[in-house]
Amino acid sequence: LTMSNTSSMNYSQTIDKLNSTGANWVMFRTRFIAAMKAQKVWKHFTGDATKPAEDSTESAAWQEKEDLASYLLMQKLPDLILVKYLSKPTVAQMWSGIVNEFTSKSVIMQTNLHMKFL
């Protein structure tokens, strides 16, 4: 393993897996974003790291970071959630779908919790 691969695993290991109900979404998202920024792959999640032309010298480097971002995300998703987003062509599209789904779940959970205390 290279130094980069070792540090990738360490960052990944410090984050709990996303709960399929969304119960840990807010903290998962916060920690996951910080870890991806530390790994220098966050732009792949936001879509700001656009894929260069296939024959360019930057293409292989972009693909390597895209693959790392994809790997790190997949390690933290329950199988049920991962299967829903595997067909997305980029990490940014996978992340966008996950954010939409779990932000909605989080809002519903907060509303239900609030209703219980009224």
PDB file of N, CA and C in Angstrom:
ATOM      1  N   LEU A   1       0.828  -1.195   0.000  1.00  0.00           N
ATOM      2  CA  LEU A   1       0.000   0.000   0.000  1.00  0.00           C
ATOM      3  C   LEU A   1       0.864   1.245   0.000  1.00  0.00           C
ATOM      4  N   THR A   2       0.411   2.234  -0.725  1.00  0.00           N
ATOM      5  CA  THR A   2       1.134   3.495  -0.701  1.00  0.00           C
ATOM      6  C   THR A   2       0.673   4.312   0.486  1.00  0.00           C
ATOM      7  N   MET A   3       1.378   5.370   0.778  1.00  0.00           N
ATOM      8  CA  MET A   3       1.014   6.255   1.884  1.00  0.00           C
ATOM      9  C   MET A   3      -0.394   6.814   1.656  1.00  0.00           C
ATOM     10  N   SER A   4      -0.701   7.185   0.415  1.00  0.00           N
ATOM     11  CA  SER A   4      -2.017   7.746   0.094  1.00  0.00           C
ATOM     12  C   SER A   4      -3.129   6.734   0.367  1.00  0.00           C
ATOM     13  N   ASN A   5      -2.931   5.492  -0.053  1.00  0.00           N
ATOM     14  CA  ASN A   5      -3.945   4.469   0.176  1.00  0.00           C
ATOM     15  C   ASN A   5      -4.148   4.191   1.661  1.00  0.00           C
ATOM     16  N   THR A   6      -3.073   4.190   2.413  1.00  0.00           N
ATOM     17  CA  THR A   6      -3.159   3.955   3.851  1.00  0.00           C
ATOM     18  C   THR A   6      -3.965   5.060   4.520  1.00  0.00           C
ATOM     19  N   SER A   7      -3.689   6.318   4.155  1.00  0.00           N
ATOM     20  CA  SER A   7      -4.422   7.421   4.770  1.00  0.00           C
ATOM     21  C   SER A   7      -5.887   7.405   4.351  1.00  0.00           C
ATOM     22  N   SER A   8      -6.178   6.951   3.138  1.00  0.00           N
ATOM     23  CA  SER A   8      -7.566   6.837   2.699  1.00  0.00           C
ATOM     24  C   SER A   8      -8.332   5.887   3.597  1.00  0.00           C
ATOM     25  N   MET A   9      -7.719   4.759   3.897  1.00  0.00           N
ATOM     26  CA  MET A   9      -8.378   3.782   4.753  1.00  0.00           C
ATOM     27  C   MET A   9      -8.576   4.345   6.156  1.00  0.00           C
ATOM     28  N   ASN A  10      -7.615   5.064   6.664  1.00  0.00           N
ATOM     29  CA  ASN A  10      -7.740   5.632   7.996  1.00  0.00           C
ATOM     30  C   ASN A  10      -8.882   6.640   8.078  1.00  0.00           C
ATOM     31  N   TYR A  11      -8.989   7.517   7.087  1.00  0.00           N
ATOM     32  CA  TYR A  11     -10.089   8.476   7.076  1.00  0.00           C
ATOM     33  C   TYR A  11     -11.427   7.746   7.011  1.00  0.00           C
ATOM     34  N   SER A  12     -11.488   6.766   6.154  1.00  0.00           N
ATOM     35  CA  SER A  12     -12.723   6.015   5.976  1.00  0.00           C
ATOM     36  C   SER A  12     -13.134   5.285   7.253  1.00  0.00           C
ATOM     37  N   GLN A  13     -12.174   4.757   7.979  1.00  0.00           N
ATOM     38  CA  GLN A  13     -12.469   3.988   9.184  1.00  0.00           C
ATOM     39  C   GLN A  13     -13.003   4.853  10.311  1.00  0.00           C
ATOM     40  N   THR A  14     -12.780   6.143  10.274  1.00  0.00           N
ATOM     41  CA  THR A  14     -13.211   7.015  11.367  1.00  0.00           C
ATOM     42  C   THR A  14     -14.672   7.441  11.254  1.00  0.00           C
ATOM     43  N   ILE A  15     -15.323   7.063  10.183  1.00  0.00           N
ATOM     44  CA  ILE A  15     -16.713   7.485   9.953  1.00  0.00           C
ATOM     45  C   ILE A  15     -17.641   6.286  10.084  1.00  0.00           C
ATOM     46  N   ASP A  16     -18.679   6.424  10.898  1.00  0.00           N
ATOM     47  CA  ASP A  16     -19.685   5.371  11.011  1.00  0.00           C
ATOM     48  C   ASP A  16     -20.437   5.255   9.696  1.00  0.00           C
ATOM     49  N   LYS A  17     -20.912   4.048   9.407  1.00  0.00           N
ATOM     50  CA  LYS A  17     -21.725   3.799   8.223  1.00  0.00           C
ATOM     51  C   LYS A  17     -23.053   4.553   8.347  1.00  0.00           C
ATOM     52  N   LEU A  18     -23.563   5.036   7.231  1.00  0.00           N
ATOM     53  CA  LEU A  18     -24.854   5.697   7.210  1.00  0.00           C
ATOM     54  C   LEU A  18     -25.943   4.708   7.582  1.00  0.00           C
ATOM     55  N   ASN A  19     -26.823   5.095   8.483  1.00  0.00           N
ATOM     56  CA  ASN A  19     -27.949   4.261   8.884  1.00  0.00           C
ATOM     57  C   ASN A  19     -29.015   4.347   7.797  1.00  0.00           C
ATOM     58  N   SER A  20     -29.577   3.229   7.398  1.00  0.00           N
ATOM     59  CA  SER A  20     -30.551   3.226   6.297  1.00  0.00           C
ATOM     60  C   SER A  20     -31.818   4.012   6.616  1.00  0.00           C
ATOM     61  N   THR A  21     -32.099   4.238   7.899  1.00  0.00           N
ATOM     62  CA  THR A  21     -33.270   5.040   8.266  1.00  0.00           C
ATOM     63  C   THR A  21     -32.972   6.535   8.227  1.00  0.00           C
ATOM     64  N   GLY A  22     -31.686   6.887   8.177  1.00  0.00           N
ATOM     65  CA  GLY A  22     -31.307   8.297   8.187  1.00  0.00           C
ATOM     66  C   GLY A  22     -31.117   8.855   9.582  1.00  0.00           C
ATOM     67  N   ALA A  23     -31.175   7.995  10.596  1.00  0.00           N
ATOM     68  CA  ALA A  23     -31.081   8.457  11.982  1.00  0.00           C
ATOM     69  C   ALA A  23     -29.769   9.190  12.263  1.00  0.00           C
ATOM     70  N   ASN A  24     -28.702   8.830  11.562  1.00  0.00           N
ATOM     71  CA  ASN A  24     -27.408   9.478  11.804  1.00  0.00           C
ATOM     72  C   ASN A  24     -26.981  10.388  10.643  1.00  0.00           C
ATOM     73  N   TRP A  25     -27.914  10.770   9.791  1.00  0.00           N
ATOM     74  CA  TRP A  25     -27.598  11.523   8.579  1.00  0.00           C
ATOM     75  C   TRP A  25     -26.834  12.816   8.846  1.00  0.00           C
ATOM     76  N   VAL A  26     -27.286  13.635   9.761  1.00  0.00           N
ATOM     77  CA  VAL A  26     -26.668  14.940   9.982  1.00  0.00           C
ATOM     78  C   VAL A  26     -25.197  14.785  10.374  1.00  0.00           C
ATOM     79  N   MET A  27     -24.907  13.913  11.309  1.00  0.00           N
ATOM     80  CA  MET A  27     -23.517  13.725  11.739  1.00  0.00           C
ATOM     81  C   MET A  27     -22.709  12.955  10.693  1.00  0.00           C
ATOM     82  N   PHE A  28     -23.333  11.983  10.025  1.00  0.00           N
ATOM     83  CA  PHE A  28     -22.638  11.263   8.958  1.00  0.00           C
ATOM     84  C   PHE A  28     -22.192  12.239   7.882  1.00  0.00           C
ATOM     85  N   ARG A  29     -23.117  13.074   7.425  1.00  0.00           N
ATOM     86  CA  ARG A  29     -22.833  14.038   6.366  1.00  0.00           C
ATOM     87  C   ARG A  29     -21.700  14.980   6.780  1.00  0.00           C
ATOM     88  N   THR A  30     -21.749  15.488   7.982  1.00  0.00           N
ATOM     89  CA  THR A  30     -20.727  16.410   8.481  1.00  0.00           C
ATOM     90  C   THR A  30     -19.350  15.757   8.491  1.00  0.00           C
ATOM     91  N   ARG A  31     -19.275  14.560   9.038  1.00  0.00           N
ATOM     92  CA  ARG A  31     -17.986  13.858   9.126  1.00  0.00           C
ATOM     93  C   ARG A  31     -17.495  13.387   7.755  1.00  0.00           C
ATOM     94  N   PHE A  32     -18.425  12.925   6.936  1.00  0.00           N
ATOM     95  CA  PHE A  32     -18.055  12.423   5.616  1.00  0.00           C
ATOM     96  C   PHE A  32     -17.487  13.547   4.754  1.00  0.00           C
ATOM     97  N   ILE A  33     -18.127  14.703   4.760  1.00  0.00           N
ATOM     98  CA  ILE A  33     -17.647  15.849   3.978  1.00  0.00           C
ATOM     99  C   ILE A  33     -16.239  16.241   4.435  1.00  0.00           C
ATOM    100  N   ALA A  34     -16.030  16.317   5.740  1.00  0.00           N
ATOM    101  CA  ALA A  34     -14.704  16.679   6.261  1.00  0.00           C
ATOM    102  C   ALA A  34     -13.646  15.674   5.807  1.00  0.00           C
ATOM    103  N   ALA A  35     -13.973  14.392   5.870  1.00  0.00           N
ATOM    104  CA  ALA A  35     -13.023  13.356   5.464  1.00  0.00           C
ATOM    105  C   ALA A  35     -12.729  13.419   3.964  1.00  0.00           C
ATOM    106  N   MET A  36     -13.747  13.675   3.151  1.00  0.00           N
ATOM    107  CA  MET A  36     -13.539  13.747   1.708  1.00  0.00           C
ATOM    108  C   MET A  36     -12.722  14.979   1.332  1.00  0.00           C
ATOM    109  N   LYS A  37     -12.922  16.069   2.065  1.00  0.00           N
ATOM    110  CA  LYS A  37     -12.084  17.256   1.831  1.00  0.00           C
ATOM    111  C   LYS A  37     -10.639  16.958   2.198  1.00  0.00           C
ATOM    112  N   ALA A  38     -10.427  16.260   3.295  1.00  0.00           N
ATOM    113  CA  ALA A  38      -9.071  15.896   3.718  1.00  0.00           C
ATOM    114  C   ALA A  38      -8.405  14.974   2.693  1.00  0.00           C
ATOM    115  N   GLN A  39      -9.202  14.148   2.026  1.00  0.00           N
ATOM    116  CA  GLN A  39      -8.678  13.233   1.009  1.00  0.00           C
ATOM    117  C   GLN A  39      -8.508  13.914  -0.349  1.00  0.00           C
ATOM    118  N   LYS A  40      -8.916  15.173  -0.439  1.00  0.00           N
ATOM    119  CA  LYS A  40      -8.809  15.943  -1.692  1.00  0.00           C
ATOM    120  C   LYS A  40      -9.692  15.379  -2.809  1.00  0.00           C
ATOM    121  N   VAL A  41     -10.841  14.781  -2.436  1.00  0.00           N
ATOM    122  CA  VAL A  41     -11.774  14.269  -3.455  1.00  0.00           C
ATOM    123  C   VAL A  41     -13.157  14.904  -3.339  1.00  0.00           C
ATOM    124  N   TRP A  42     -13.335  15.892  -2.467  1.00  0.00           N
ATOM    125  CA  TRP A  42     -14.657  16.473  -2.261  1.00  0.00           C
ATOM    126  C   TRP A  42     -15.240  17.066  -3.544  1.00  0.00           C
ATOM    127  N   LYS A  43     -14.407  17.631  -4.401  1.00  0.00           N
ATOM    128  CA  LYS A  43     -14.900  18.223  -5.651  1.00  0.00           C
ATOM    129  C   LYS A  43     -15.576  17.182  -6.547  1.00  0.00           C
ATOM    130  N   HIS A  44     -15.241  15.926  -6.359  1.00  0.00           N
ATOM    131  CA  HIS A  44     -15.903  14.865  -7.123  1.00  0.00           C
ATOM    132  C   HIS A  44     -17.336  14.663  -6.632  1.00  0.00           C
ATOM    133  N   PHE A  45     -17.597  14.969  -5.387  1.00  0.00           N
ATOM    134  CA  PHE A  45     -18.942  14.845  -4.825  1.00  0.00           C
ATOM    135  C   PHE A  45     -19.819  16.034  -5.206  1.00  0.00           C
ATOM    136  N   THR A  46     -19.209  17.195  -5.334  1.00  0.00           N
ATOM    137  CA  THR A  46     -19.976  18.404  -5.659  1.00  0.00           C
ATOM    138  C   THR A  46     -20.179  18.573  -7.158  1.00  0.00           C
ATOM    139  N   GLY A  47     -19.405  17.843  -7.942  1.00  0.00           N
ATOM    140  CA  GLY A  47     -19.475  17.977  -9.394  1.00  0.00           C
ATOM    141  C   GLY A  47     -18.519  19.029  -9.933  1.00  0.00           C
ATOM    142  N   ASP A  48     -17.731  19.643  -9.049  1.00  0.00           N
ATOM    143  CA  ASP A  48     -16.776  20.669  -9.476  1.00  0.00           C
ATOM    144  C   ASP A  48     -15.536  20.086 -10.151  1.00  0.00           C
ATOM    145  N   ALA A  49     -15.310  18.789  -9.983  1.00  0.00           N
ATOM    146  CA  ALA A  49     -14.189  18.123 -10.658  1.00  0.00           C
ATOM    147  C   ALA A  49     -14.738  17.482 -11.920  1.00  0.00           C
ATOM    148  N   THR A  50     -14.806  18.260 -12.980  1.00  0.00           N
ATOM    149  CA  THR A  50     -15.385  17.748 -14.219  1.00  0.00           C
ATOM    150  C   THR A  50     -14.378  16.867 -14.955  1.00  0.00           C
ATOM    151  N   LYS A  51     -14.918  15.871 -15.607  1.00  0.00           N
ATOM    152  CA  LYS A  51     -14.077  14.897 -16.301  1.00  0.00           C
ATOM    153  C   LYS A  51     -13.403  15.544 -17.512  1.00  0.00           C
ATOM    154  N   PRO A  52     -12.073  15.455 -17.584  1.00  0.00           N
ATOM    155  CA  PRO A  52     -11.370  16.000 -18.750  1.00  0.00           C
ATOM    156  C   PRO A  52     -11.568  15.114 -19.982  1.00  0.00           C
ATOM    157  N   ALA A  53     -11.151  15.612 -21.114  1.00  0.00           N
ATOM    158  CA  ALA A  53     -11.245  14.837 -22.356  1.00  0.00           C
ATOM    159  C   ALA A  53     -10.502  13.513 -22.189  1.00  0.00           C
ATOM    160  N   GLU A  54     -11.049  12.462 -22.780  1.00  0.00           N
ATOM    161  CA  GLU A  54     -10.486  11.111 -22.634  1.00  0.00           C
ATOM    162  C   GLU A  54      -8.997  11.029 -22.961  1.00  0.00           C
ATOM    163  N   ASP A  55      -8.564  11.733 -23.983  1.00  0.00           N
ATOM    164  CA  ASP A  55      -7.175  11.615 -24.426  1.00  0.00           C
ATOM    165  C   ASP A  55      -6.227  12.601 -23.738  1.00  0.00           C
ATOM    166  N   SER A  56      -6.736  13.347 -22.774  1.00  0.00           N
ATOM    167  CA  SER A  56      -5.879  14.322 -22.096  1.00  0.00           C
ATOM    168  C   SER A  56      -5.041  13.650 -21.009  1.00  0.00           C
ATOM    169  N   THR A  57      -3.986  14.322 -20.618  1.00  0.00           N
ATOM    170  CA  THR A  57      -3.108  13.776 -19.584  1.00  0.00           C
ATOM    171  C   THR A  57      -3.785  13.810 -18.216  1.00  0.00           C
ATOM    172  N   GLU A  58      -4.765  14.680 -18.043  1.00  0.00           N
ATOM    173  CA  GLU A  58      -5.467  14.789 -16.762  1.00  0.00           C
ATOM    174  C   GLU A  58      -6.525  13.701 -16.567  1.00  0.00           C
ATOM    175  N   SER A  59      -6.889  13.020 -17.629  1.00  0.00           N
ATOM    176  CA  SER A  59      -7.967  12.035 -17.576  1.00  0.00           C
ATOM    177  C   SER A  59      -7.689  10.897 -16.594  1.00  0.00           C
ATOM    178  N   ALA A  60      -6.486  10.351 -16.616  1.00  0.00           N
ATOM    179  CA  ALA A  60      -6.146   9.237 -15.723  1.00  0.00           C
ATOM    180  C   ALA A  60      -6.150   9.685 -14.263  1.00  0.00           C
ATOM    181  N   ALA A  61      -5.636  10.876 -13.990  1.00  0.00           N
ATOM    182  CA  ALA A  61      -5.616  11.402 -12.618  1.00  0.00           C
ATOM    183  C   ALA A  61      -7.040  11.652 -12.124  1.00  0.00           C
ATOM    184  N   TRP A  62      -7.894  12.197 -13.001  1.00  0.00           N
ATOM    185  CA  TRP A  62      -9.291  12.436 -12.633  1.00  0.00           C
ATOM    186  C   TRP A  62      -9.975  11.109 -12.303  1.00  0.00           C
ATOM    187  N   GLN A  63      -9.767  10.105 -13.145  1.00  0.00           N
ATOM    188  CA  GLN A  63     -10.406   8.808 -12.946  1.00  0.00           C
ATOM    189  C   GLN A  63      -9.937   8.162 -11.649  1.00  0.00           C
ATOM    190  N   GLU A  64      -8.666   8.307 -11.325  1.00  0.00           N
ATOM    191  CA  GLU A  64      -8.134   7.751 -10.086  1.00  0.00           C
ATOM    192  C   GLU A  64      -8.831   8.376  -8.867  1.00  0.00           C
ATOM    193  N   LYS A  65      -9.004   9.691  -8.892  1.00  0.00           N
ATOM    194  CA  LYS A  65      -9.681  10.360  -7.768  1.00  0.00           C
ATOM    195  C   LYS A  65     -11.175  10.027  -7.744  1.00  0.00           C
ATOM    196  N   GLU A  66     -11.789   9.901  -8.896  1.00  0.00           N
ATOM    197  CA  GLU A  66     -13.204   9.519  -8.981  1.00  0.00           C
ATOM    198  C   GLU A  66     -13.394   8.120  -8.401  1.00  0.00           C
ATOM    199  N   ASP A  67     -12.492   7.217  -8.744  1.00  0.00           N
ATOM    200  CA  ASP A  67     -12.560   5.849  -8.223  1.00  0.00           C
ATOM    201  C   ASP A  67     -12.378   5.822  -6.707  1.00  0.00           C
ATOM    202  N   LEU A  68     -11.458   6.625  -6.197  1.00  0.00           N
ATOM    203  CA  LEU A  68     -11.238   6.706  -4.757  1.00  0.00           C
ATOM    204  C   LEU A  68     -12.483   7.260  -4.067  1.00  0.00           C
ATOM    205  N   ALA A  69     -13.050   8.315  -4.617  1.00  0.00           N
ATOM    206  CA  ALA A  69     -14.255   8.914  -4.040  1.00  0.00           C
ATOM    207  C   ALA A  69     -15.397   7.896  -4.017  1.00  0.00           C
ATOM    208  N   SER A  70     -15.565   7.182  -5.104  1.00  0.00           N
ATOM    209  CA  SER A  70     -16.606   6.161  -5.203  1.00  0.00           C
ATOM    210  C   SER A  70     -16.392   5.061  -4.164  1.00  0.00           C
ATOM    211  N   TYR A  71     -15.167   4.597  -4.050  1.00  0.00           N
ATOM    212  CA  TYR A  71     -14.828   3.557  -3.078  1.00  0.00           C
ATOM    213  C   TYR A  71     -15.140   4.013  -1.656  1.00  0.00           C
ATOM    214  N   LEU A  72     -14.705   5.213  -1.309  1.00  0.00           N
ATOM    215  CA  LEU A  72     -14.921   5.721   0.044  1.00  0.00           C
ATOM    216  C   LEU A  72     -16.414   5.855   0.358  1.00  0.00           C
ATOM    217  N   LEU A  73     -17.190   6.313  -0.604  1.00  0.00           N
ATOM    218  CA  LEU A  73     -18.631   6.442  -0.402  1.00  0.00           C
ATOM    219  C   LEU A  73     -19.281   5.064  -0.241  1.00  0.00           C
ATOM    220  N   MET A  74     -18.935   4.142  -1.112  1.00  0.00           N
ATOM    221  CA  MET A  74     -19.549   2.811  -1.061  1.00  0.00           C
ATOM    222  C   MET A  74     -19.284   2.089   0.253  1.00  0.00           C
ATOM    223  N   GLN A  75     -18.142   2.339   0.855  1.00  0.00           N
ATOM    224  CA  GLN A  75     -17.812   1.690   2.123  1.00  0.00           C
ATOM    225  C   GLN A  75     -18.710   2.140   3.262  1.00  0.00           C
ATOM    226  N   LYS A  76     -19.358   3.283   3.106  1.00  0.00           N
ATOM    227  CA  LYS A  76     -20.139   3.862   4.197  1.00  0.00           C
ATOM    228  C   LYS A  76     -21.643   3.810   3.966  1.00  0.00           C
ATOM    229  N   LEU A  77     -22.062   3.097   2.928  1.00  0.00           N
ATOM    230  CA  LEU A  77     -23.492   2.972   2.637  1.00  0.00           C
ATOM    231  C   LEU A  77     -23.979   1.557   2.910  1.00  0.00           C
ATOM    232  N   PRO A  78     -25.162   1.431   3.514  1.00  0.00           N
ATOM    233  CA  PRO A  78     -25.757   0.096   3.647  1.00  0.00           C
ATOM    234  C   PRO A  78     -26.078  -0.439   2.243  1.00  0.00           C
ATOM    235  N   ASP A  79     -26.044  -1.749   2.086  1.00  0.00           N
ATOM    236  CA  ASP A  79     -26.285  -2.357   0.775  1.00  0.00           C
ATOM    237  C   ASP A  79     -27.591  -1.882   0.148  1.00  0.00           C
ATOM    238  N   LEU A  80     -28.623  -1.779   0.927  1.00  0.00           N
ATOM    239  CA  LEU A  80     -29.936  -1.349   0.434  1.00  0.00           C
ATOM    240  C   LEU A  80     -29.867   0.025  -0.234  1.00  0.00           C
ATOM    241  N   ILE A  81     -29.084   0.919   0.333  1.00  0.00           N
ATOM    242  CA  ILE A  81     -28.933   2.267  -0.219  1.00  0.00           C
ATOM    243  C   ILE A  81     -27.969   2.245  -1.400  1.00  0.00           C
ATOM    244  N   LEU A  82     -26.880   1.528  -1.272  1.00  0.00           N
ATOM    245  CA  LEU A  82     -25.886   1.453  -2.337  1.00  0.00           C
ATOM    246  C   LEU A  82     -26.497   0.966  -3.644  1.00  0.00           C
ATOM    247  N   VAL A  83     -27.318  -0.059  -3.573  1.00  0.00           N
ATOM    248  CA  VAL A  83     -27.937  -0.634  -4.770  1.00  0.00           C
ATOM    249  C   VAL A  83     -28.772   0.412  -5.518  1.00  0.00           C
ATOM    250  N   LYS A  84     -29.404   1.300  -4.793  1.00  0.00           N
ATOM    251  CA  LYS A  84     -30.229   2.343  -5.423  1.00  0.00           C
ATOM    252  C   LYS A  84     -29.414   3.296  -6.280  1.00  0.00           C
ATOM    253  N   TYR A  85     -28.158   3.524  -5.921  1.00  0.00           N
ATOM    254  CA  TYR A  85     -27.371   4.569  -6.564  1.00  0.00           C
ATOM    255  C   TYR A  85     -26.208   4.065  -7.410  1.00  0.00           C
ATOM    256  N   LEU A  86     -26.001   2.760  -7.479  1.00  0.00           N
ATOM    257  CA  LEU A  86     -24.881   2.204  -8.238  1.00  0.00           C
ATOM    258  C   LEU A  86     -24.928   2.521  -9.730  1.00  0.00           C
ATOM    259  N   SER A  87     -26.100   2.706 -10.272  1.00  0.00           N
ATOM    260  CA  SER A  87     -26.215   2.944 -11.711  1.00  0.00           C
ATOM    261  C   SER A  87     -25.875   4.378 -12.109  1.00  0.00           C
ATOM    262  N   LYS A  88     -25.704   5.250 -11.141  1.00  0.00           N
ATOM    263  CA  LYS A  88     -25.351   6.643 -11.453  1.00  0.00           C
ATOM    264  C   LYS A  88     -23.938   6.670 -12.039  1.00  0.00           C
ATOM    265  N   PRO A  89     -23.731   7.449 -13.098  1.00  0.00           N
ATOM    266  CA  PRO A  89     -22.428   7.422 -13.775  1.00  0.00           C
ATOM    267  C   PRO A  89     -21.285   8.135 -13.050  1.00  0.00           C
ATOM    268  N   THR A  90     -21.599   9.036 -12.125  1.00  0.00           N
ATOM    269  CA  THR A  90     -20.536   9.748 -11.412  1.00  0.00           C
ATOM    270  C   THR A  90     -20.821   9.760  -9.912  1.00  0.00           C
ATOM    271  N   VAL A  91     -19.775   9.997  -9.146  1.00  0.00           N
ATOM    272  CA  VAL A  91     -19.912  10.124  -7.696  1.00  0.00           C
ATOM    273  C   VAL A  91     -20.812  11.312  -7.361  1.00  0.00           C
ATOM    274  N   ALA A  92     -20.685  12.392  -8.109  1.00  0.00           N
ATOM    275  CA  ALA A  92     -21.512  13.579  -7.858  1.00  0.00           C
ATOM    276  C   ALA A  92     -22.995  13.243  -7.984  1.00  0.00           C
ATOM    277  N   GLN A  93     -23.363  12.448  -8.963  1.00  0.00           N
ATOM    278  CA  GLN A  93     -24.764  12.077  -9.141  1.00  0.00           C
ATOM    279  C   GLN A  93     -25.229  11.126  -8.046  1.00  0.00           C
ATOM    280  N   MET A  94     -24.351  10.219  -7.632  1.00  0.00           N
ATOM    281  CA  MET A  94     -24.685   9.328  -6.513  1.00  0.00           C
ATOM    282  C   MET A  94     -24.922  10.154  -5.248  1.00  0.00           C
ATOM    283  N   TRP A  95     -23.984  11.050  -4.955  1.00  0.00           N
ATOM    284  CA  TRP A  95     -24.057  11.861  -3.744  1.00  0.00           C
ATOM    285  C   TRP A  95     -25.300  12.750  -3.750  1.00  0.00           C
ATOM    286  N   SER A  96     -25.609  13.336  -4.874  1.00  0.00           N
ATOM    287  CA  SER A  96     -26.786  14.198  -4.977  1.00  0.00           C
ATOM    288  C   SER A  96     -28.064  13.428  -4.639  1.00  0.00           C
ATOM    289  N   GLY A  97     -28.188  12.222  -5.160  1.00  0.00           N
ATOM    290  CA  GLY A  97     -29.357  11.395  -4.861  1.00  0.00           C
ATOM    291  C   GLY A  97     -29.430  11.026  -3.386  1.00  0.00           C
ATOM    292  N   ILE A  98     -28.301  10.696  -2.802  1.00  0.00           N
ATOM    293  CA  ILE A  98     -28.241  10.329  -1.383  1.00  0.00           C
ATOM    294  C   ILE A  98     -28.594  11.529  -0.514  1.00  0.00           C
ATOM    295  N   VAL A  99     -28.034  12.691  -0.842  1.00  0.00           N
ATOM    296  CA  VAL A  99     -28.341  13.918  -0.088  1.00  0.00           C
ATOM    297  C   VAL A  99     -29.836  14.215  -0.148  1.00  0.00           C
ATOM    298  N   ASN A 100     -30.411  14.136  -1.327  1.00  0.00           N
ATOM    299  CA  ASN A 100     -31.852  14.400  -1.469  1.00  0.00           C
ATOM    300  C   ASN A 100     -32.686  13.429  -0.634  1.00  0.00           C
ATOM    301  N   GLU A 101     -32.357  12.152  -0.727  1.00  0.00           N
ATOM    302  CA  GLU A 101     -33.123  11.139   0.004  1.00  0.00           C
ATOM    303  C   GLU A 101     -33.001  11.318   1.522  1.00  0.00           C
ATOM    304  N   PHE A 102     -31.792  11.488   1.997  1.00  0.00           N
ATOM    305  CA  PHE A 102     -31.598  11.504   3.444  1.00  0.00           C
ATOM    306  C   PHE A 102     -31.906  12.852   4.087  1.00  0.00           C
ATOM    307  N   THR A 103     -31.827  13.923   3.322  1.00  0.00           N
ATOM    308  CA  THR A 103     -32.265  15.215   3.851  1.00  0.00           C
ATOM    309  C   THR A 103     -33.773  15.165   4.067  1.00  0.00           C
ATOM    310  N   SER A 104     -34.485  14.562   3.133  1.00  0.00           N
ATOM    311  CA  SER A 104     -35.937  14.398   3.283  1.00  0.00           C
ATOM    312  C   SER A 104     -36.263  13.524   4.484  1.00  0.00           C
ATOM    313  N   LYS A 105     -35.564  12.408   4.621  1.00  0.00           N
ATOM    314  CA  LYS A 105     -35.794  11.507   5.757  1.00  0.00           C
ATOM    315  C   LYS A 105     -35.509  12.218   7.071  1.00  0.00           C
ATOM    316  N   SER A 106     -34.461  13.021   7.092  1.00  0.00           N
ATOM    317  CA  SER A 106     -34.071  13.739   8.304  1.00  0.00           C
ATOM    318  C   SER A 106     -35.150  14.743   8.702  1.00  0.00           C
ATOM    319  N   VAL A 107     -35.696  15.458   7.734  1.00  0.00           N
ATOM    320  CA  VAL A 107     -36.758  16.427   8.010  1.00  0.00           C
ATOM    321  C   VAL A 107     -37.994  15.714   8.546  1.00  0.00           C
ATOM    322  N   ILE A 108     -38.342  14.590   7.949  1.00  0.00           N
ATOM    323  CA  ILE A 108     -39.511  13.821   8.416  1.00  0.00           C
ATOM    324  C   ILE A 108     -39.277  13.323   9.835  1.00  0.00           C
ATOM    325  N   MET A 109     -38.063  12.821  10.104  1.00  0.00           N
ATOM    326  CA  MET A 109     -37.761  12.337  11.459  1.00  0.00           C
ATOM    327  C   MET A 109     -37.850  13.469  12.483  1.00  0.00           C
ATOM    328  N   GLN A 110     -37.344  14.650  12.132  1.00  0.00           N
ATOM    329  CA  GLN A 110     -37.390  15.788  13.040  1.00  0.00           C
ATOM    330  C   GLN A 110     -38.829  16.220  13.299  1.00  0.00           C
ATOM    331  N   THR A 111     -39.642  16.209  12.262  1.00  0.00           N
ATOM    332  CA  THR A 111     -41.056  16.580  12.397  1.00  0.00           C
ATOM    333  C   THR A 111     -41.776  15.591  13.295  1.00  0.00           C
ATOM    334  N   ASN A 112     -41.537  14.302  13.086  1.00  0.00           N
ATOM    335  CA  ASN A 112     -42.171  13.278  13.926  1.00  0.00           C
ATOM    336  C   ASN A 112     -41.747  13.399  15.371  1.00  0.00           C
ATOM    337  N   LEU A 113     -40.477  13.659  15.602  1.00  0.00           N
ATOM    338  CA  LEU A 113     -39.961  13.828  16.963  1.00  0.00           C
ATOM    339  C   LEU A 113     -40.606  15.044  17.622  1.00  0.00           C
ATOM    340  N   HIS A 114     -40.713  16.114  16.878  1.00  0.00           N
ATOM    341  CA  HIS A 114     -41.323  17.338  17.400  1.00  0.00           C
ATOM    342  C   HIS A 114     -42.785  17.080  17.774  1.00  0.00           C
ATOM    343  N   MET A 115     -43.493  16.321  16.937  1.00  0.00           N
ATOM    344  CA  MET A 115     -44.916  16.024  17.187  1.00  0.00           C
ATOM    345  C   MET A 115     -45.081  15.194  18.460  1.00  0.00           C
ATOM    346  N   LYS A 116     -44.133  14.318  18.752  1.00  0.00           N
ATOM    347  CA  LYS A 116     -44.213  13.487  19.937  1.00  0.00           C
ATOM    348  C   LYS A 116     -44.120  14.320  21.216  1.00  0.00           C
ATOM    349  N   PHE A 117     -43.426  15.435  21.136  1.00  0.00           N
ATOM    350  CA  PHE A 117     -43.226  16.264  22.334  1.00  0.00           C
ATOM    351  C   PHE A 117     -44.283  17.334  22.491  1.00  0.00           C
ATOM    352  N   LEU A 118     -45.202  17.444  21.577  1.00  0.00           N
ATOM    353  CA  LEU A 118     -46.277  18.444  21.704  1.00  0.00           C
ATOM    354  C   LEU A 118     -47.403  17.955  22.563  1.00  0.00           C
TER     355      LEU A 118
END
